Amino acid sequence: MAQLSKRRTKSTVFLSPKHREIINNSKKTVQRFFEDLIDFCSDHDVFSWKDGQFFFRHARIVIVRSDFPNNLCDALPEPYDTGRKLGERTRHAYAAVWNLDPSKPDYRESYYNSIARNFGWGILSERPPNKIFIQAPCIQNEPFYRGLLEGILSLKLRTIHQSSDQIIFEILNKEKTESSPISQAARSAR
């Protein structure tokens, strides 16, 4: 394989007025704009995309409006249970593919960053005391999202705030928990 030179090379780029305006509106230099664009495309495997097939590492990406998954979640008879099961499967997939266990506190920040940067589920952060904040959540169905995060993080959560642009969960336990069935009466009491 050819070794890449560490030297920069000078290139000339001819821009249409429309493209020049896009770069100007970004408030970046032309060089910074293209460096960021190339990094983004590389980080998201854009160079491997084909017509109708978008991939990111091991996952196939489907681009839909956020109302589509929200309508799916709203149609679920048991959104919490479904979210919990999907969360547990997601935790196993992260462990197998990326060697990342989001149920371990040391890895949760990496998980939150991957969700925010790569998947568009919202911007997740954990803040003291024992709170998980989701800014701009893609999924508005609170029981589904709570179940999903409980399954992924192996935590017990309680919703303390929900609006269209933010959900805040309180972590009820800091230790890793095993998934246990919860009665319908206990779920509806939340």
N, C-alpha and C. Protein backbone atom coordinates (compact mmCIF):
# COMPACT_ATOMS: atom_id res chain seq x y z
N MET A 1 0.84 -1.18 0.00
CA MET A 1 0.00 0.00 0.00
C MET A 1 0.88 1.23 0.00
N ALA A 2 0.54 2.20 -0.80
CA ALA A 2 1.34 3.43 -0.90
C ALA A 2 1.26 4.20 0.41
N GLN A 3 2.39 4.73 0.81
CA GLN A 3 2.44 5.51 2.03
C GLN A 3 2.03 6.94 1.71
N LEU A 4 1.16 7.48 2.54
CA LEU A 4 0.69 8.84 2.33
C LEU A 4 1.73 9.83 2.82
N SER A 5 1.91 10.88 2.06
CA SER A 5 2.83 11.94 2.46
C SER A 5 2.20 12.78 3.55
N LYS A 6 3.00 13.24 4.49
CA LYS A 6 2.49 14.10 5.55
C LYS A 6 2.50 15.56 5.12
N ARG A 7 3.06 15.82 3.96
CA ARG A 7 3.08 17.19 3.45
C ARG A 7 1.72 17.55 2.89
N ARG A 8 1.40 18.81 3.01
CA ARG A 8 0.19 19.32 2.39
C ARG A 8 0.47 19.60 0.94
N THR A 9 -0.55 19.42 0.13
CA THR A 9 -0.42 19.79 -1.27
C THR A 9 -1.42 20.89 -1.56
N LYS A 10 -1.03 21.75 -2.44
CA LYS A 10 -1.90 22.87 -2.80
C LYS A 10 -2.78 22.44 -3.97
N SER A 11 -4.07 22.73 -3.86
CA SER A 11 -5.03 22.39 -4.90
C SER A 11 -5.86 23.62 -5.22
N THR A 12 -6.32 23.68 -6.43
CA THR A 12 -7.21 24.75 -6.84
C THR A 12 -8.61 24.18 -6.95
N VAL A 13 -9.55 24.87 -6.35
CA VAL A 13 -10.94 24.45 -6.39
C VAL A 13 -11.74 25.57 -7.03
N PHE A 14 -12.52 25.22 -8.03
CA PHE A 14 -13.40 26.19 -8.68
C PHE A 14 -14.79 26.03 -8.08
N LEU A 15 -15.31 27.09 -7.51
CA LEU A 15 -16.59 27.04 -6.82
C LEU A 15 -17.64 27.86 -7.56
N SER A 16 -18.83 27.33 -7.63
CA SER A 16 -19.94 28.10 -8.18
C SER A 16 -20.34 29.14 -7.12
N PRO A 17 -21.06 30.16 -7.50
CA PRO A 17 -21.52 31.13 -6.48
C PRO A 17 -22.34 30.47 -5.37
N LYS A 18 -23.14 29.47 -5.74
CA LYS A 18 -23.94 28.76 -4.73
C LYS A 18 -23.04 28.05 -3.72
N HIS A 19 -22.01 27.35 -4.21
CA HIS A 19 -21.10 26.64 -3.31
C HIS A 19 -20.27 27.60 -2.47
N ARG A 20 -19.88 28.71 -3.05
CA ARG A 20 -19.14 29.73 -2.31
C ARG A 20 -20.00 30.27 -1.17
N GLU A 21 -21.30 30.48 -1.44
CA GLU A 21 -22.21 30.97 -0.41
C GLU A 21 -22.35 29.96 0.72
N ILE A 22 -22.43 28.67 0.39
CA ILE A 22 -22.53 27.63 1.42
C ILE A 22 -21.30 27.68 2.33
N ILE A 23 -20.12 27.80 1.73
CA ILE A 23 -18.89 27.85 2.53
C ILE A 23 -18.85 29.12 3.36
N ASN A 24 -19.22 30.24 2.78
CA ASN A 24 -19.24 31.51 3.52
C ASN A 24 -20.20 31.44 4.71
N ASN A 25 -21.38 30.84 4.49
CA ASN A 25 -22.37 30.73 5.56
C ASN A 25 -21.90 29.82 6.69
N SER A 26 -20.96 28.92 6.39
CA SER A 26 -20.45 28.02 7.43
C SER A 26 -19.49 28.74 8.38
N LYS A 27 -19.05 29.94 7.99
CA LYS A 27 -18.09 30.73 8.78
C LYS A 27 -16.73 30.03 8.91
N LYS A 28 -16.41 29.18 7.92
CA LYS A 28 -15.13 28.48 7.90
C LYS A 28 -14.33 28.94 6.71
N THR A 29 -13.03 28.74 6.78
CA THR A 29 -12.20 28.98 5.60
C THR A 29 -12.49 27.85 4.62
N VAL A 30 -12.13 28.06 3.36
CA VAL A 30 -12.33 27.01 2.36
C VAL A 30 -11.58 25.75 2.78
N GLN A 31 -10.35 25.92 3.24
CA GLN A 31 -9.55 24.77 3.66
C GLN A 31 -10.22 24.04 4.83
N ARG A 32 -10.63 24.77 5.85
CA ARG A 32 -11.27 24.15 7.02
C ARG A 32 -12.57 23.46 6.61
N PHE A 33 -13.34 24.08 5.72
CA PHE A 33 -14.60 23.51 5.25
C PHE A 33 -14.35 22.15 4.61
N PHE A 34 -13.37 22.08 3.70
CA PHE A 34 -13.10 20.82 3.01
C PHE A 34 -12.47 19.79 3.94
N GLU A 35 -11.63 20.21 4.86
CA GLU A 35 -11.07 19.27 5.83
C GLU A 35 -12.19 18.65 6.67
N ASP A 36 -13.11 19.49 7.16
CA ASP A 36 -14.23 18.99 7.97
C ASP A 36 -15.14 18.08 7.14
N LEU A 37 -15.38 18.47 5.89
CA LEU A 37 -16.24 17.67 5.01
C LEU A 37 -15.62 16.29 4.75
N ILE A 38 -14.34 16.26 4.46
CA ILE A 38 -13.66 14.99 4.21
C ILE A 38 -13.63 14.13 5.47
N ASP A 39 -13.37 14.75 6.63
CA ASP A 39 -13.39 14.01 7.89
C ASP A 39 -14.76 13.42 8.16
N PHE A 40 -15.81 14.22 7.94
CA PHE A 40 -17.18 13.75 8.16
C PHE A 40 -17.48 12.57 7.24
N CYS A 41 -17.15 12.71 5.96
CA CYS A 41 -17.42 11.63 5.01
C CYS A 41 -16.65 10.37 5.37
N SER A 42 -15.41 10.54 5.80
CA SER A 42 -14.60 9.39 6.20
C SER A 42 -15.15 8.74 7.47
N ASP A 43 -15.48 9.57 8.48
CA ASP A 43 -16.00 9.05 9.75
C ASP A 43 -17.30 8.30 9.57
N HIS A 44 -18.11 8.70 8.61
CA HIS A 44 -19.43 8.10 8.42
C HIS A 44 -19.46 7.13 7.23
N ASP A 45 -18.32 6.72 6.76
CA ASP A 45 -18.22 5.75 5.66
C ASP A 45 -19.00 6.18 4.42
N VAL A 46 -19.11 7.48 4.18
CA VAL A 46 -19.88 7.98 3.05
C VAL A 46 -19.28 7.49 1.73
N PHE A 47 -17.98 7.28 1.70
CA PHE A 47 -17.34 6.86 0.46
C PHE A 47 -17.73 5.44 0.05
N SER A 48 -18.34 4.67 0.97
CA SER A 48 -18.79 3.32 0.62
C SER A 48 -20.28 3.27 0.27
N TRP A 49 -20.95 4.40 0.34
CA TRP A 49 -22.39 4.43 0.04
C TRP A 49 -22.62 4.20 -1.45
N LYS A 50 -23.72 3.53 -1.75
CA LYS A 50 -24.16 3.28 -3.12
C LYS A 50 -25.62 3.72 -3.22
N ASP A 51 -26.14 3.79 -4.42
CA ASP A 51 -27.54 4.16 -4.57
C ASP A 51 -28.42 3.24 -3.74
N GLY A 52 -29.19 3.83 -2.85
CA GLY A 52 -30.14 3.08 -2.03
C GLY A 52 -29.53 2.29 -0.89
N GLN A 53 -28.21 2.38 -0.69
CA GLN A 53 -27.54 1.62 0.38
C GLN A 53 -26.58 2.53 1.10
N PHE A 54 -26.93 2.88 2.32
CA PHE A 54 -26.09 3.74 3.15
C PHE A 54 -25.62 2.93 4.35
N PHE A 55 -24.34 2.93 4.61
CA PHE A 55 -23.78 2.14 5.70
C PHE A 55 -22.96 3.02 6.63
N PHE A 56 -22.94 2.62 7.89
CA PHE A 56 -22.02 3.19 8.87
C PHE A 56 -21.45 2.02 9.65
N ARG A 57 -20.19 1.75 9.42
CA ARG A 57 -19.50 0.60 10.01
C ARG A 57 -20.31 -0.66 9.78
N HIS A 58 -20.86 -1.27 10.83
CA HIS A 58 -21.60 -2.53 10.70
C HIS A 58 -23.08 -2.33 10.44
N ALA A 59 -23.54 -1.09 10.44
CA ALA A 59 -24.98 -0.84 10.37
C ALA A 59 -25.40 -0.24 9.03
N ARG A 60 -26.55 -0.66 8.58
CA ARG A 60 -27.15 -0.03 7.41
C ARG A 60 -28.00 1.13 7.90
N ILE A 61 -27.86 2.26 7.27
CA ILE A 61 -28.57 3.47 7.66
C ILE A 61 -29.82 3.61 6.80
N VAL A 62 -30.91 3.97 7.44
CA VAL A 62 -32.14 4.29 6.73
C VAL A 62 -32.46 5.73 7.09
N ILE A 63 -32.61 6.56 6.10
CA ILE A 63 -32.88 7.97 6.35
C ILE A 63 -34.39 8.18 6.22
N VAL A 64 -34.99 8.58 7.35
CA VAL A 64 -36.42 8.84 7.39
C VAL A 64 -36.66 10.11 8.20
N ARG A 65 -37.83 10.68 8.02
CA ARG A 65 -38.22 11.80 8.89
C ARG A 65 -38.45 11.24 10.29
N SER A 66 -38.23 12.05 11.31
CA SER A 66 -38.37 11.56 12.68
C SER A 66 -39.80 11.18 13.03
N ASP A 67 -40.79 11.69 12.29
CA ASP A 67 -42.16 11.29 12.60
C ASP A 67 -42.42 9.81 12.28
N PHE A 68 -41.64 9.24 11.37
CA PHE A 68 -41.81 7.83 11.01
C PHE A 68 -41.53 6.91 12.20
N PRO A 69 -40.33 6.97 12.83
CA PRO A 69 -40.11 6.10 14.00
C PRO A 69 -41.03 6.47 15.17
N ASN A 70 -41.41 7.74 15.28
CA ASN A 70 -42.35 8.12 16.34
C ASN A 70 -43.71 7.47 16.13
N ASN A 71 -44.18 7.45 14.88
CA ASN A 71 -45.46 6.79 14.59
C ASN A 71 -45.36 5.29 14.87
N LEU A 72 -44.21 4.69 14.53
CA LEU A 72 -44.02 3.26 14.83
C LEU A 72 -44.07 3.01 16.35
N CYS A 73 -43.37 3.84 17.10
CA CYS A 73 -43.35 3.67 18.55
C CYS A 73 -44.74 3.87 19.14
N ASP A 74 -45.47 4.85 18.64
CA ASP A 74 -46.82 5.11 19.15
C ASP A 74 -47.77 3.96 18.84
N ALA A 75 -47.50 3.20 17.79
CA ALA A 75 -48.37 2.08 17.41
C ALA A 75 -48.06 0.80 18.19
N LEU A 76 -46.98 0.78 18.93
CA LEU A 76 -46.61 -0.41 19.69
C LEU A 76 -47.57 -0.63 20.85
N PRO A 77 -48.03 -1.88 21.07
CA PRO A 77 -48.93 -2.12 22.21
C PRO A 77 -48.21 -1.96 23.55
N GLU A 78 -46.93 -2.28 23.60
CA GLU A 78 -46.13 -2.17 24.83
C GLU A 78 -44.81 -1.47 24.50
N PRO A 79 -44.81 -0.15 24.34
CA PRO A 79 -43.58 0.53 23.92
C PRO A 79 -42.42 0.38 24.91
N TYR A 80 -42.71 0.37 26.22
CA TYR A 80 -41.63 0.20 27.19
C TYR A 80 -40.95 -1.15 27.02
N ASP A 81 -41.74 -2.23 26.95
CA ASP A 81 -41.17 -3.57 26.81
C ASP A 81 -40.37 -3.71 25.51
N THR A 82 -40.91 -3.17 24.42
CA THR A 82 -40.22 -3.24 23.14
C THR A 82 -38.91 -2.46 23.21
N GLY A 83 -38.95 -1.26 23.78
CA GLY A 83 -37.73 -0.46 23.93
C GLY A 83 -36.69 -1.19 24.77
N ARG A 84 -37.13 -1.81 25.85
CA ARG A 84 -36.22 -2.54 26.73
C ARG A 84 -35.54 -3.70 25.99
N LYS A 85 -36.33 -4.47 25.24
CA LYS A 85 -35.76 -5.59 24.48
C LYS A 85 -34.77 -5.09 23.42
N LEU A 86 -35.14 -4.04 22.71
CA LEU A 86 -34.22 -3.47 21.71
C LEU A 86 -32.96 -2.93 22.37
N GLY A 87 -33.11 -2.33 23.53
CA GLY A 87 -31.95 -1.82 24.26
C GLY A 87 -30.99 -2.92 24.66
N GLU A 88 -31.54 -4.03 25.13
CA GLU A 88 -30.68 -5.16 25.51
C GLU A 88 -29.94 -5.71 24.30
N ARG A 89 -30.64 -5.82 23.18
CA ARG A 89 -29.98 -6.29 21.95
C ARG A 89 -28.91 -5.30 21.48
N THR A 90 -29.21 -4.04 21.62
CA THR A 90 -28.24 -3.01 21.23
C THR A 90 -26.99 -3.11 22.10
N ARG A 91 -27.17 -3.32 23.39
CA ARG A 91 -26.02 -3.46 24.30
C ARG A 91 -25.15 -4.63 23.88
N HIS A 92 -25.76 -5.74 23.51
CA HIS A 92 -24.99 -6.91 23.06
C HIS A 92 -24.28 -6.62 21.73
N ALA A 93 -24.94 -5.90 20.83
CA ALA A 93 -24.31 -5.55 19.55
C ALA A 93 -23.12 -4.63 19.77
N TYR A 94 -23.25 -3.64 20.64
CA TYR A 94 -22.12 -2.75 20.95
C TYR A 94 -20.96 -3.55 21.51
N ALA A 95 -21.24 -4.50 22.39
CA ALA A 95 -20.17 -5.30 22.99
C ALA A 95 -19.48 -6.16 21.93
N ALA A 96 -20.27 -6.74 21.03
CA ALA A 96 -19.70 -7.64 20.02
C ALA A 96 -18.96 -6.89 18.92
N VAL A 97 -19.53 -5.80 18.44
CA VAL A 97 -18.96 -5.11 17.29
C VAL A 97 -17.90 -4.09 17.68
N TRP A 98 -18.16 -3.32 18.73
CA TRP A 98 -17.25 -2.22 19.07
C TRP A 98 -16.50 -2.44 20.37
N ASN A 99 -16.71 -3.61 21.00
CA ASN A 99 -16.08 -3.89 22.27
C ASN A 99 -16.38 -2.77 23.28
N LEU A 100 -17.62 -2.35 23.30
CA LEU A 100 -18.07 -1.25 24.15
C LEU A 100 -19.28 -1.72 24.94
N ASP A 101 -19.20 -1.64 26.25
CA ASP A 101 -20.32 -2.03 27.09
C ASP A 101 -20.90 -0.79 27.76
N PRO A 102 -21.99 -0.23 27.19
CA PRO A 102 -22.54 1.00 27.74
C PRO A 102 -23.15 0.84 29.13
N SER A 103 -23.28 -0.40 29.61
CA SER A 103 -23.79 -0.58 30.96
C SER A 103 -22.71 -0.29 32.01
N LYS A 104 -21.47 -0.20 31.60
CA LYS A 104 -20.38 0.14 32.51
C LYS A 104 -20.20 1.65 32.52
N PRO A 105 -20.23 2.27 33.69
CA PRO A 105 -20.15 3.74 33.76
C PRO A 105 -18.96 4.33 33.00
N ASP A 106 -17.83 3.63 32.97
CA ASP A 106 -16.66 4.17 32.27
C ASP A 106 -16.87 4.28 30.76
N TYR A 107 -17.79 3.49 30.21
CA TYR A 107 -18.03 3.49 28.77
C TYR A 107 -19.25 4.29 28.35
N ARG A 108 -20.03 4.74 29.33
CA ARG A 108 -21.27 5.44 28.98
C ARG A 108 -21.03 6.71 28.19
N GLU A 109 -20.02 7.47 28.53
CA GLU A 109 -19.75 8.71 27.79
C GLU A 109 -19.42 8.40 26.33
N SER A 110 -18.64 7.34 26.08
CA SER A 110 -18.35 6.94 24.70
C SER A 110 -19.64 6.58 23.97
N TYR A 111 -20.54 5.90 24.67
CA TYR A 111 -21.82 5.54 24.07
C TYR A 111 -22.62 6.80 23.75
N TYR A 112 -22.72 7.71 24.70
CA TYR A 112 -23.47 8.95 24.47
C TYR A 112 -22.89 9.71 23.27
N ASN A 113 -21.57 9.78 23.18
CA ASN A 113 -20.94 10.48 22.06
C ASN A 113 -21.24 9.80 20.73
N SER A 114 -21.23 8.46 20.71
CA SER A 114 -21.51 7.77 19.45
C SER A 114 -22.96 7.98 19.03
N ILE A 115 -23.87 7.99 19.98
CA ILE A 115 -25.28 8.24 19.67
C ILE A 115 -25.46 9.64 19.09
N ALA A 116 -24.87 10.63 19.74
CA ALA A 116 -25.03 12.01 19.29
C ALA A 116 -24.34 12.26 17.96
N ARG A 117 -23.13 11.76 17.82
CA ARG A 117 -22.33 12.06 16.63
C ARG A 117 -22.77 11.25 15.41
N ASN A 118 -23.15 10.01 15.61
CA ASN A 118 -23.33 9.13 14.46
C ASN A 118 -24.76 8.73 14.14
N PHE A 119 -25.64 8.70 15.12
CA PHE A 119 -26.93 8.08 14.87
C PHE A 119 -28.13 9.02 14.91
N GLY A 120 -27.97 10.21 15.42
CA GLY A 120 -29.06 11.17 15.39
C GLY A 120 -30.19 10.93 16.36
N TRP A 121 -29.98 10.15 17.41
CA TRP A 121 -31.03 9.89 18.38
C TRP A 121 -31.25 11.06 19.33
N GLY A 122 -30.35 12.01 19.32
CA GLY A 122 -30.40 13.14 20.24
C GLY A 122 -29.04 13.26 20.91
N ILE A 123 -28.88 14.32 21.67
CA ILE A 123 -27.61 14.55 22.37
C ILE A 123 -27.79 14.11 23.81
N LEU A 124 -27.11 13.02 24.16
CA LEU A 124 -27.22 12.45 25.49
C LEU A 124 -26.07 12.90 26.36
N SER A 125 -26.36 13.19 27.60
CA SER A 125 -25.30 13.50 28.57
C SER A 125 -25.78 13.08 29.95
N GLU A 126 -24.81 12.74 30.78
CA GLU A 126 -25.11 12.36 32.15
C GLU A 126 -24.56 13.45 33.05
N ARG A 127 -25.42 13.96 33.91
CA ARG A 127 -25.01 15.07 34.78
C ARG A 127 -25.38 14.74 36.22
N PRO A 128 -24.56 15.21 37.13
CA PRO A 128 -24.89 14.98 38.54
C PRO A 128 -26.11 15.82 38.91
N PRO A 129 -26.89 15.42 39.86
CA PRO A 129 -26.81 14.13 40.53
C PRO A 129 -27.71 13.10 39.84
N ASN A 130 -27.12 12.11 39.23
CA ASN A 130 -27.84 10.95 38.67
C ASN A 130 -28.90 11.31 37.64
N LYS A 131 -28.57 12.17 36.71
CA LYS A 131 -29.53 12.57 35.67
C LYS A 131 -28.96 12.26 34.29
N ILE A 132 -29.84 11.80 33.39
CA ILE A 132 -29.49 11.65 31.97
C ILE A 132 -30.36 12.64 31.21
N PHE A 133 -29.69 13.53 30.47
CA PHE A 133 -30.37 14.55 29.68
C PHE A 133 -30.31 14.13 28.21
N ILE A 134 -31.43 14.27 27.53
CA ILE A 134 -31.47 14.05 26.08
C ILE A 134 -31.98 15.34 25.46
N GLN A 135 -31.11 16.02 24.76
CA GLN A 135 -31.48 17.24 24.05
C GLN A 135 -31.87 16.84 22.63
N ALA A 136 -32.91 17.45 22.11
CA ALA A 136 -33.39 17.20 20.75
C ALA A 136 -33.61 15.71 20.48
N PRO A 137 -34.42 15.04 21.32
CA PRO A 137 -34.63 13.60 21.12
C PRO A 137 -35.37 13.32 19.82
N CYS A 138 -34.88 12.34 19.09
CA CYS A 138 -35.55 11.91 17.85
C CYS A 138 -36.86 11.21 18.17
N ILE A 139 -36.85 10.38 19.19
CA ILE A 139 -38.04 9.63 19.60
C ILE A 139 -38.73 10.39 20.73
N GLN A 140 -39.99 10.67 20.56
CA GLN A 140 -40.76 11.40 21.56
C GLN A 140 -41.54 10.48 22.48
N ASN A 141 -41.62 9.19 22.16
CA ASN A 141 -42.37 8.23 22.96
C ASN A 141 -41.55 7.90 24.20
N GLU A 142 -41.91 8.51 25.33
CA GLU A 142 -41.12 8.39 26.55
C GLU A 142 -41.00 6.96 27.06
N PRO A 143 -42.09 6.15 27.11
CA PRO A 143 -41.90 4.78 27.59
C PRO A 143 -40.93 3.98 26.73
N PHE A 144 -41.00 4.16 25.40
CA PHE A 144 -40.08 3.45 24.51
C PHE A 144 -38.64 3.89 24.78
N TYR A 145 -38.41 5.20 24.84
CA TYR A 145 -37.05 5.72 25.03
C TYR A 145 -36.49 5.30 26.39
N ARG A 146 -37.34 5.35 27.43
CA ARG A 146 -36.90 4.93 28.76
C ARG A 146 -36.53 3.45 28.75
N GLY A 147 -37.38 2.62 28.14
CA GLY A 147 -37.09 1.19 28.05
C GLY A 147 -35.82 0.93 27.26
N LEU A 148 -35.64 1.66 26.15
CA LEU A 148 -34.44 1.51 25.32
C LEU A 148 -33.19 1.81 26.13
N LEU A 149 -33.19 2.94 26.82
CA LEU A 149 -32.00 3.30 27.61
C LEU A 149 -31.80 2.37 28.80
N GLU A 150 -32.87 1.94 29.44
CA GLU A 150 -32.72 0.98 30.54
C GLU A 150 -32.08 -0.31 30.04
N GLY A 151 -32.49 -0.76 28.86
CA GLY A 151 -31.91 -1.98 28.30
C GLY A 151 -30.46 -1.80 27.89
N ILE A 152 -30.14 -0.68 27.29
CA ILE A 152 -28.76 -0.43 26.84
C ILE A 152 -27.83 -0.22 28.03
N LEU A 153 -28.27 0.58 28.99
CA LEU A 153 -27.39 0.98 30.09
C LEU A 153 -27.49 0.07 31.32
N SER A 154 -28.45 -0.86 31.31
CA SER A 154 -28.69 -1.73 32.47
C SER A 154 -28.92 -0.89 33.73
N LEU A 155 -29.77 0.12 33.58
CA LEU A 155 -30.12 0.98 34.70
C LEU A 155 -31.62 1.02 34.86
N LYS A 156 -32.06 1.47 36.00
CA LYS A 156 -33.47 1.74 36.24
C LYS A 156 -33.63 3.26 36.19
N LEU A 157 -34.55 3.74 35.34
CA LEU A 157 -34.73 5.18 35.14
C LEU A 157 -36.14 5.61 35.50
N ARG A 158 -36.26 6.86 35.90
CA ARG A 158 -37.56 7.48 36.14
C ARG A 158 -37.57 8.80 35.37
N THR A 159 -38.64 9.05 34.64
CA THR A 159 -38.75 10.28 33.86
C THR A 159 -39.12 11.42 34.80
N ILE A 160 -38.32 12.50 34.75
CA ILE A 160 -38.65 13.66 35.58
C ILE A 160 -39.05 14.88 34.74
N HIS A 161 -38.79 14.82 33.43
CA HIS A 161 -39.20 15.92 32.55
C HIS A 161 -39.26 15.41 31.12
N GLN A 162 -40.30 15.85 30.40
CA GLN A 162 -40.38 15.52 28.98
C GLN A 162 -41.02 16.69 28.26
N SER A 163 -40.35 17.14 27.20
CA SER A 163 -40.92 18.12 26.28
C SER A 163 -40.44 17.72 24.88
N SER A 164 -40.86 18.45 23.87
CA SER A 164 -40.49 18.07 22.50
C SER A 164 -38.99 18.21 22.26
N ASP A 165 -38.30 19.04 23.04
CA ASP A 165 -36.87 19.25 22.80
C ASP A 165 -35.98 18.71 23.91
N GLN A 166 -36.56 18.05 24.92
CA GLN A 166 -35.72 17.55 26.01
C GLN A 166 -36.46 16.48 26.82
N ILE A 167 -35.72 15.44 27.17
CA ILE A 167 -36.21 14.44 28.13
C ILE A 167 -35.13 14.32 29.20
N ILE A 168 -35.56 14.28 30.45
CA ILE A 168 -34.61 14.11 31.56
C ILE A 168 -35.05 12.89 32.36
N PHE A 169 -34.10 11.96 32.53
CA PHE A 169 -34.34 10.77 33.34
C PHE A 169 -33.50 10.86 34.59
N GLU A 170 -34.05 10.36 35.68
CA GLU A 170 -33.29 10.19 36.91
C GLU A 170 -32.83 8.74 36.98
N ILE A 171 -31.56 8.53 37.30
CA ILE A 171 -31.03 7.18 37.47
C ILE A 171 -31.37 6.73 38.88
N LEU A 172 -32.17 5.68 39.00
CA LEU A 172 -32.59 5.20 40.31
C LEU A 172 -31.58 4.24 40.93
N ASN A 173 -30.74 3.64 40.12
CA ASN A 173 -29.69 2.77 40.63
C ASN A 173 -28.43 3.03 39.82
N LYS A 174 -27.29 3.06 40.46
CA LYS A 174 -26.02 3.30 39.76
C LYS A 174 -25.32 1.99 39.40
N GLU A 175 -25.71 0.89 40.02
CA GLU A 175 -25.06 -0.38 39.73
C GLU A 175 -25.71 -1.01 38.51
N LYS A 176 -24.92 -1.82 37.82
CA LYS A 176 -25.43 -2.59 36.68
C LYS A 176 -26.48 -3.58 37.20
N THR A 177 -27.62 -3.60 36.52
CA THR A 177 -28.68 -4.51 36.95
C THR A 177 -28.94 -5.54 35.87
N GLU A 178 -29.46 -6.67 36.28
CA GLU A 178 -29.90 -7.67 35.33
C GLU A 178 -31.30 -7.31 34.91
N SER A 179 -31.64 -7.64 33.69
CA SER A 179 -32.98 -7.32 33.23
C SER A 179 -33.97 -8.24 33.92
N SER A 180 -35.01 -7.66 34.42
CA SER A 180 -36.02 -8.46 35.10
C SER A 180 -37.39 -8.06 34.60
N PRO A 181 -38.29 -9.01 34.51
CA PRO A 181 -39.63 -8.66 34.05
C PRO A 181 -40.31 -7.76 35.06
N ILE A 182 -41.07 -6.80 34.57
CA ILE A 182 -41.77 -5.87 35.43
C ILE A 182 -43.26 -6.07 35.16
N SER A 183 -44.01 -6.10 36.20
CA SER A 183 -45.45 -6.32 36.02
C SER A 183 -46.09 -5.14 35.33
N GLN A 184 -47.19 -5.41 34.67
CA GLN A 184 -47.94 -4.36 33.97
C GLN A 184 -48.36 -3.28 34.98
N ALA A 185 -48.75 -3.67 36.18
CA ALA A 185 -49.21 -2.70 37.19
C ALA A 185 -48.06 -1.78 37.60
N ALA A 186 -46.86 -2.34 37.74
CA ALA A 186 -45.71 -1.51 38.11
C ALA A 186 -45.35 -0.54 37.00
N ARG A 187 -45.45 -1.00 35.74
CA ARG A 187 -45.13 -0.11 34.61
C ARG A 187 -46.11 1.04 34.51
N SER A 188 -47.38 0.73 34.68
CA SER A 188 -48.38 1.78 34.53
C SER A 188 -48.37 2.75 35.69
N ALA A 189 -47.76 2.37 36.81
CA ALA A 189 -47.67 3.27 37.97
C ALA A 189 -46.61 4.34 37.79
N ARG A 190 -45.77 4.20 36.77
CA ARG A 190 -44.70 5.18 36.57
C ARG A 190 -45.22 6.44 35.95
